[in-house]
Amino acid sequence: MARLCNQLLEGSGLIVRDWQLPGTNPLQKHRRFTLETLDGDDWDEIPCIYELHQQLQHDEEKKAQATG
């Protein structure tokens, strides 16, 4: 899901990071993903990666309609 979000964020200067490491105890969902600037100077926790993905898709559709 993070990869799909990052595809939609391409060119925005933002990236979704997944902090779950293989072989470790699962992180709480609201702490697993962050939305960061590419340089990592600013970030916010993502409470729900699925809601973020849905919002990014909606924004992309609106952008496509405006230019189409």
PDB file of N, CA and C in Angstrom:
ATOM      1  N   MET A   1       0.826  -1.182   0.000  1.00  0.00           N
ATOM      2  CA  MET A   1       0.000   0.000   0.000  1.00  0.00           C
ATOM      3  C   MET A   1       0.882   1.263   0.000  1.00  0.00           C
ATOM      4  N   ALA A   2       1.985   1.213   0.728  1.00  0.00           N
ATOM      5  CA  ALA A   2       2.892   2.363   0.748  1.00  0.00           C
ATOM      6  C   ALA A   2       3.431   2.652  -0.654  1.00  0.00           C
ATOM      7  N   ARG A   3       3.749   1.585  -1.392  1.00  0.00           N
ATOM      8  CA  ARG A   3       4.260   1.756  -2.762  1.00  0.00           C
ATOM      9  C   ARG A   3       3.232   2.450  -3.645  1.00  0.00           C
ATOM     10  N   LEU A   4       1.960   2.052  -3.518  1.00  0.00           N
ATOM     11  CA  LEU A   4       0.896   2.678  -4.311  1.00  0.00           C
ATOM     12  C   LEU A   4       0.742   4.156  -3.952  1.00  0.00           C
ATOM     13  N   CYS A   5       0.818   4.458  -2.666  1.00  0.00           N
ATOM     14  CA  CYS A   5       0.734   5.855  -2.240  1.00  0.00           C
ATOM     15  C   CYS A   5       1.910   6.648  -2.805  1.00  0.00           C
ATOM     16  N   ASN A   6       3.098   6.062  -2.768  1.00  0.00           N
ATOM     17  CA  ASN A   6       4.275   6.768  -3.274  1.00  0.00           C
ATOM     18  C   ASN A   6       4.193   7.024  -4.775  1.00  0.00           C
ATOM     19  N   GLN A   7       3.560   6.123  -5.513  1.00  0.00           N
ATOM     20  CA  GLN A   7       3.356   6.364  -6.939  1.00  0.00           C
ATOM     21  C   GLN A   7       2.457   7.592  -7.136  1.00  0.00           C
ATOM     22  N   LEU A   8       1.429   7.716  -6.317  1.00  0.00           N
ATOM     23  CA  LEU A   8       0.520   8.859  -6.426  1.00  0.00           C
ATOM     24  C   LEU A   8       1.165  10.150  -5.929  1.00  0.00           C
ATOM     25  N   LEU A   9       2.134  10.043  -5.041  1.00  0.00           N
ATOM     26  CA  LEU A   9       2.815  11.216  -4.493  1.00  0.00           C
ATOM     27  C   LEU A   9       4.004  11.669  -5.343  1.00  0.00           C
ATOM     28  N   GLU A  10       4.342  10.918  -6.375  1.00  0.00           N
ATOM     29  CA  GLU A  10       5.513  11.221  -7.198  1.00  0.00           C
ATOM     30  C   GLU A  10       5.484  12.675  -7.671  1.00  0.00           C
ATOM     31  N   GLY A  11       6.592  13.363  -7.460  1.00  0.00           N
ATOM     32  CA  GLY A  11       6.714  14.754  -7.883  1.00  0.00           C
ATOM     33  C   GLY A  11       6.204  15.750  -6.855  1.00  0.00           C
ATOM     34  N   SER A  12       5.653  15.281  -5.739  1.00  0.00           N
ATOM     35  CA  SER A  12       5.090  16.187  -4.738  1.00  0.00           C
ATOM     36  C   SER A  12       6.100  16.612  -3.680  1.00  0.00           C
ATOM     37  N   GLY A  13       7.228  15.913  -3.615  1.00  0.00           N
ATOM     38  CA  GLY A  13       8.203  16.194  -2.566  1.00  0.00           C
ATOM     39  C   GLY A  13       7.908  15.448  -1.277  1.00  0.00           C
ATOM     40  N   LEU A  14       6.904  14.535  -1.313  1.00  0.00           N
ATOM     41  CA  LEU A  14       6.534  13.748  -0.142  1.00  0.00           C
ATOM     42  C   LEU A  14       6.702  12.266  -0.434  1.00  0.00           C
ATOM     43  N   ILE A  15       6.863  11.489   0.636  1.00  0.00           N
ATOM     44  CA  ILE A  15       7.006  10.041   0.512  1.00  0.00           C
ATOM     45  C   ILE A  15       6.380   9.376   1.737  1.00  0.00           C
ATOM     46  N   VAL A  16       5.803   8.200   1.526  1.00  0.00           N
ATOM     47  CA  VAL A  16       5.291   7.387   2.630  1.00  0.00           C
ATOM     48  C   VAL A  16       6.387   6.399   3.002  1.00  0.00           C
ATOM     49  N   ARG A  17       6.705   6.332   4.290  1.00  0.00           N
ATOM     50  CA  ARG A  17       7.700   5.371   4.768  1.00  0.00           C
ATOM     51  C   ARG A  17       7.011   4.321   5.637  1.00  0.00           C
ATOM     52  N   ASP A  18       7.417   3.077   5.439  1.00  0.00           N
ATOM     53  CA  ASP A  18       6.927   1.957   6.225  1.00  0.00           C
ATOM     54  C   ASP A  18       8.022   1.585   7.219  1.00  0.00           C
ATOM     55  N   TRP A  19       7.741   1.718   8.512  1.00  0.00           N
ATOM     56  CA  TRP A  19       8.750   1.498   9.542  1.00  0.00           C
ATOM     57  C   TRP A  19       8.763   0.074  10.093  1.00  0.00           C
ATOM     58  N   GLN A  20       7.947  -0.818   9.530  1.00  0.00           N
ATOM     59  CA  GLN A  20       7.936  -2.206   9.998  1.00  0.00           C
ATOM     60  C   GLN A  20       9.166  -2.930   9.465  1.00  0.00           C
ATOM     61  N   LEU A  21       9.951  -3.478  10.353  1.00  0.00           N
ATOM     62  CA  LEU A  21      11.135  -4.231   9.959  1.00  0.00           C
ATOM     63  C   LEU A  21      10.811  -5.718   9.932  1.00  0.00           C
ATOM     64  N   PRO A  22      11.337  -6.440   8.950  1.00  0.00           N
ATOM     65  CA  PRO A  22      11.086  -7.885   8.884  1.00  0.00           C
ATOM     66  C   PRO A  22      11.582  -8.581  10.159  1.00  0.00           C
ATOM     67  N   GLY A  23      10.811  -9.525  10.650  1.00  0.00           N
ATOM     68  CA  GLY A  23      11.230 -10.310  11.801  1.00  0.00           C
ATOM     69  C   GLY A  23      11.055  -9.627  13.138  1.00  0.00           C
ATOM     70  N   THR A  24      10.383  -8.489  13.172  1.00  0.00           N
ATOM     71  CA  THR A  24      10.144  -7.797  14.436  1.00  0.00           C
ATOM     72  C   THR A  24       8.659  -7.853  14.775  1.00  0.00           C
ATOM     73  N   ASN A  25       8.355  -7.546  16.008  1.00  0.00           N
ATOM     74  CA  ASN A  25       6.952  -7.510  16.412  1.00  0.00           C
ATOM     75  C   ASN A  25       6.221  -6.448  15.605  1.00  0.00           C
ATOM     76  N   PRO A  26       4.983  -6.729  15.223  1.00  0.00           N
ATOM     77  CA  PRO A  26       4.226  -5.754  14.422  1.00  0.00           C
ATOM     78  C   PRO A  26       4.050  -4.427  15.161  1.00  0.00           C
ATOM     79  N   LEU A  27       4.259  -3.351  14.430  1.00  0.00           N
ATOM     80  CA  LEU A  27       4.015  -2.015  14.980  1.00  0.00           C
ATOM     81  C   LEU A  27       2.520  -1.733  14.964  1.00  0.00           C
ATOM     82  N   GLN A  28       2.083  -0.855  15.844  1.00  0.00           N
ATOM     83  CA  GLN A  28       0.693  -0.419  15.805  1.00  0.00           C
ATOM     84  C   GLN A  28       0.473   0.302  14.483  1.00  0.00           C
ATOM     85  N   LYS A  29      -0.703   0.085  13.877  1.00  0.00           N
ATOM     86  CA  LYS A  29      -0.960   0.632  12.543  1.00  0.00           C
ATOM     87  C   LYS A  29      -0.754   2.136  12.474  1.00  0.00           C
ATOM     88  N   HIS A  30      -1.135   2.873  13.520  1.00  0.00           N
ATOM     89  CA  HIS A  30      -0.998   4.332  13.469  1.00  0.00           C
ATOM     90  C   HIS A  30       0.449   4.784  13.653  1.00  0.00           C
ATOM     91  N   ARG A  31       1.359   3.857  13.948  1.00  0.00           N
ATOM     92  CA  ARG A  31       2.775   4.214  14.067  1.00  0.00           C
ATOM     93  C   ARG A  31       3.645   3.576  12.996  1.00  0.00           C
ATOM     94  N   ARG A  32       3.041   2.733  12.179  1.00  0.00           N
ATOM     95  CA  ARG A  32       3.831   2.007  11.188  1.00  0.00           C
ATOM     96  C   ARG A  32       4.231   2.888  10.007  1.00  0.00           C
ATOM     97  N   PHE A  33       3.351   3.765   9.570  1.00  0.00           N
ATOM     98  CA  PHE A  33       3.594   4.569   8.374  1.00  0.00           C
ATOM     99  C   PHE A  33       3.714   6.045   8.724  1.00  0.00           C
ATOM    100  N   THR A  34       4.612   6.733   8.018  1.00  0.00           N
ATOM    101  CA  THR A  34       4.719   8.179   8.145  1.00  0.00           C
ATOM    102  C   THR A  34       4.714   8.809   6.757  1.00  0.00           C
ATOM    103  N   LEU A  35       4.210  10.031   6.698  1.00  0.00           N
ATOM    104  CA  LEU A  35       4.263  10.848   5.489  1.00  0.00           C
ATOM    105  C   LEU A  35       5.352  11.875   5.737  1.00  0.00           C
ATOM    106  N   GLU A  36       6.389  11.844   4.906  1.00  0.00           N
ATOM    107  CA  GLU A  36       7.576  12.671   5.136  1.00  0.00           C
ATOM    108  C   GLU A  36       7.931  13.489   3.912  1.00  0.00           C
ATOM    109  N   THR A  37       8.658  14.583   4.175  1.00  0.00           N
ATOM    110  CA  THR A  37       9.302  15.279   3.070  1.00  0.00           C
ATOM    111  C   THR A  37      10.457  14.387   2.603  1.00  0.00           C
ATOM    112  N   LEU A  38      10.876  14.536   1.375  1.00  0.00           N
ATOM    113  CA  LEU A  38      11.938  13.686   0.838  1.00  0.00           C
ATOM    114  C   LEU A  38      13.232  13.777   1.639  1.00  0.00           C
ATOM    115  N   ASP A  39      13.504  14.950   2.226  1.00  0.00           N
ATOM    116  CA  ASP A  39      14.725  15.093   3.014  1.00  0.00           C
ATOM    117  C   ASP A  39      14.551  14.603   4.448  1.00  0.00           C
ATOM    118  N   GLY A  40      13.323  14.221   4.832  1.00  0.00           N
ATOM    119  CA  GLY A  40      13.070  13.684   6.163  1.00  0.00           C
ATOM    120  C   GLY A  40      13.008  14.712   7.272  1.00  0.00           C
ATOM    121  N   ASP A  41      13.044  16.014   6.909  1.00  0.00           N
ATOM    122  CA  ASP A  41      13.019  17.057   7.931  1.00  0.00           C
ATOM    123  C   ASP A  41      11.657  17.226   8.586  1.00  0.00           C
ATOM    124  N   ASP A  42      10.596  16.875   7.910  1.00  0.00           N
ATOM    125  CA  ASP A  42       9.248  17.045   8.443  1.00  0.00           C
ATOM    126  C   ASP A  42       8.453  15.781   8.172  1.00  0.00           C
ATOM    127  N   TRP A  43       7.670  15.340   9.163  1.00  0.00           N
ATOM    128  CA  TRP A  43       6.907  14.114   8.992  1.00  0.00           C
ATOM    129  C   TRP A  43       5.674  14.135   9.882  1.00  0.00           C
ATOM    130  N   ASP A  44       4.695  13.323   9.490  1.00  0.00           N
ATOM    131  CA  ASP A  44       3.475  13.114  10.263  1.00  0.00           C
ATOM    132  C   ASP A  44       3.146  11.633  10.247  1.00  0.00           C
ATOM    133  N   GLU A  45       2.640  11.129  11.381  1.00  0.00           N
ATOM    134  CA  GLU A  45       2.167   9.751  11.406  1.00  0.00           C
ATOM    135  C   GLU A  45       0.915   9.644  10.556  1.00  0.00           C
ATOM    136  N   ILE A  46       0.737   8.505   9.905  1.00  0.00           N
ATOM    137  CA  ILE A  46      -0.455   8.244   9.099  1.00  0.00           C
ATOM    138  C   ILE A  46      -1.351   7.311   9.909  1.00  0.00           C
ATOM    139  N   PRO A  47      -2.490   7.826  10.385  1.00  0.00           N
ATOM    140  CA  PRO A  47      -3.364   6.978  11.205  1.00  0.00           C
ATOM    141  C   PRO A  47      -3.918   5.775  10.440  1.00  0.00           C
ATOM    142  N   CYS A  48      -4.207   5.953   9.138  1.00  0.00           N
ATOM    143  CA  CYS A  48      -4.760   4.853   8.346  1.00  0.00           C
ATOM    144  C   CYS A  48      -4.233   4.968   6.908  1.00  0.00           C
ATOM    145  N   ILE A  49      -3.369   4.036   6.536  1.00  0.00           N
ATOM    146  CA  ILE A  49      -2.770   4.051   5.195  1.00  0.00           C
ATOM    147  C   ILE A  49      -3.829   3.895   4.109  1.00  0.00           C
ATOM    148  N   TYR A  50      -4.904   3.163   4.400  1.00  0.00           N
ATOM    149  CA  TYR A  50      -5.954   2.942   3.408  1.00  0.00           C
ATOM    150  C   TYR A  50      -6.733   4.232   3.141  1.00  0.00           C
ATOM    151  N   GLU A  51      -6.987   5.015   4.179  1.00  0.00           N
ATOM    152  CA  GLU A  51      -7.668   6.302   3.986  1.00  0.00           C
ATOM    153  C   GLU A  51      -6.781   7.262   3.204  1.00  0.00           C
ATOM    154  N   LEU A  52      -5.491   7.266   3.495  1.00  0.00           N
ATOM    155  CA  LEU A  52      -4.566   8.127   2.746  1.00  0.00           C
ATOM    156  C   LEU A  52      -4.568   7.737   1.275  1.00  0.00           C
ATOM    157  N   HIS A  53      -4.506   6.446   0.987  1.00  0.00           N
ATOM    158  CA  HIS A  53      -4.501   5.989  -0.396  1.00  0.00           C
ATOM    159  C   HIS A  53      -5.779   6.407  -1.110  1.00  0.00           C
ATOM    160  N   GLN A  54      -6.903   6.259  -0.451  1.00  0.00           N
ATOM    161  CA  GLN A  54      -8.190   6.651  -1.038  1.00  0.00           C
ATOM    162  C   GLN A  54      -8.212   8.150  -1.338  1.00  0.00           C
ATOM    163  N   GLN A  55      -7.704   8.959  -0.404  1.00  0.00           N
ATOM    164  CA  GLN A  55      -7.671  10.403  -0.609  1.00  0.00           C
ATOM    165  C   GLN A  55      -6.741  10.770  -1.759  1.00  0.00           C
ATOM    166  N   LEU A  56      -5.590  10.130  -1.849  1.00  0.00           N
ATOM    167  CA  LEU A  56      -4.653  10.415  -2.939  1.00  0.00           C
ATOM    168  C   LEU A  56      -5.250  10.034  -4.286  1.00  0.00           C
ATOM    169  N   GLN A  57      -5.955   8.911  -4.353  1.00  0.00           N
ATOM    170  CA  GLN A  57      -6.612   8.516  -5.598  1.00  0.00           C
ATOM    171  C   GLN A  57      -7.676   9.534  -5.989  1.00  0.00           C
ATOM    172  N   HIS A  58      -8.453   9.982  -5.020  1.00  0.00           N
ATOM    173  CA  HIS A  58      -9.495  10.975  -5.273  1.00  0.00           C
ATOM    174  C   HIS A  58      -8.875  12.271  -5.802  1.00  0.00           C
ATOM    175  N   ASP A  59      -7.792  12.716  -5.178  1.00  0.00           N
ATOM    176  CA  ASP A  59      -7.111  13.931  -5.623  1.00  0.00           C
ATOM    177  C   ASP A  59      -6.570  13.781  -7.044  1.00  0.00           C
ATOM    178  N   GLU A  60      -6.053  12.601  -7.353  1.00  0.00           N
ATOM    179  CA  GLU A  60      -5.518  12.342  -8.703  1.00  0.00           C
ATOM    180  C   GLU A  60      -6.637  12.365  -9.737  1.00  0.00           C
ATOM    181  N   GLU A  61      -7.787  11.797  -9.404  1.00  0.00           N
ATOM    182  CA  GLU A  61      -8.939  11.812 -10.319  1.00  0.00           C
ATOM    183  C   GLU A  61      -9.436  13.241 -10.564  1.00  0.00           C
ATOM    184  N   LYS A  62      -9.475  14.053  -9.505  1.00  0.00           N
ATOM    185  CA  LYS A  62      -9.882  15.447  -9.661  1.00  0.00           C
ATOM    186  C   LYS A  62      -8.914  16.212 -10.549  1.00  0.00           C
ATOM    187  N   LYS A  63      -7.614  15.935 -10.374  1.00  0.00           N
ATOM    188  CA  LYS A  63      -6.604  16.579 -11.199  1.00  0.00           C
ATOM    189  C   LYS A  63      -6.753  16.183 -12.667  1.00  0.00           C
ATOM    190  N   ALA A  64      -7.020  14.902 -12.910  1.00  0.00           N
ATOM    191  CA  ALA A  64      -7.176  14.408 -14.279  1.00  0.00           C
ATOM    192  C   ALA A  64      -8.427  15.032 -14.939  1.00  0.00           C
ATOM    193  N   GLN A  65      -9.491  15.178 -14.190  1.00  0.00           N
ATOM    194  CA  GLN A  65     -10.715  15.795 -14.738  1.00  0.00           C
ATOM    195  C   GLN A  65     -10.505  17.263 -15.062  1.00  0.00           C
ATOM    196  N   ALA A  66      -9.728  17.945 -14.227  1.00  0.00           N
ATOM    197  CA  ALA A  66      -9.478  19.369 -14.432  1.00  0.00           C
ATOM    198  C   ALA A  66      -8.625  19.614 -15.673  1.00  0.00           C
ATOM    199  N   THR A  67      -7.727  18.683 -15.984  1.00  0.00           N
ATOM    200  CA  THR A  67      -6.837  18.870 -17.133  1.00  0.00           C
ATOM    201  C   THR A  67      -7.368  18.160 -18.374  1.00  0.00           C
ATOM    202  N   GLY A  68      -8.349  17.279 -18.198  1.00  0.00           N
ATOM    203  CA  GLY A  68      -8.844  16.473 -19.308  1.00  0.00           C
ATOM    204  C   GLY A  68      -9.884  17.161 -20.075  1.00  0.00           C
TER     205      GLY A  68
END
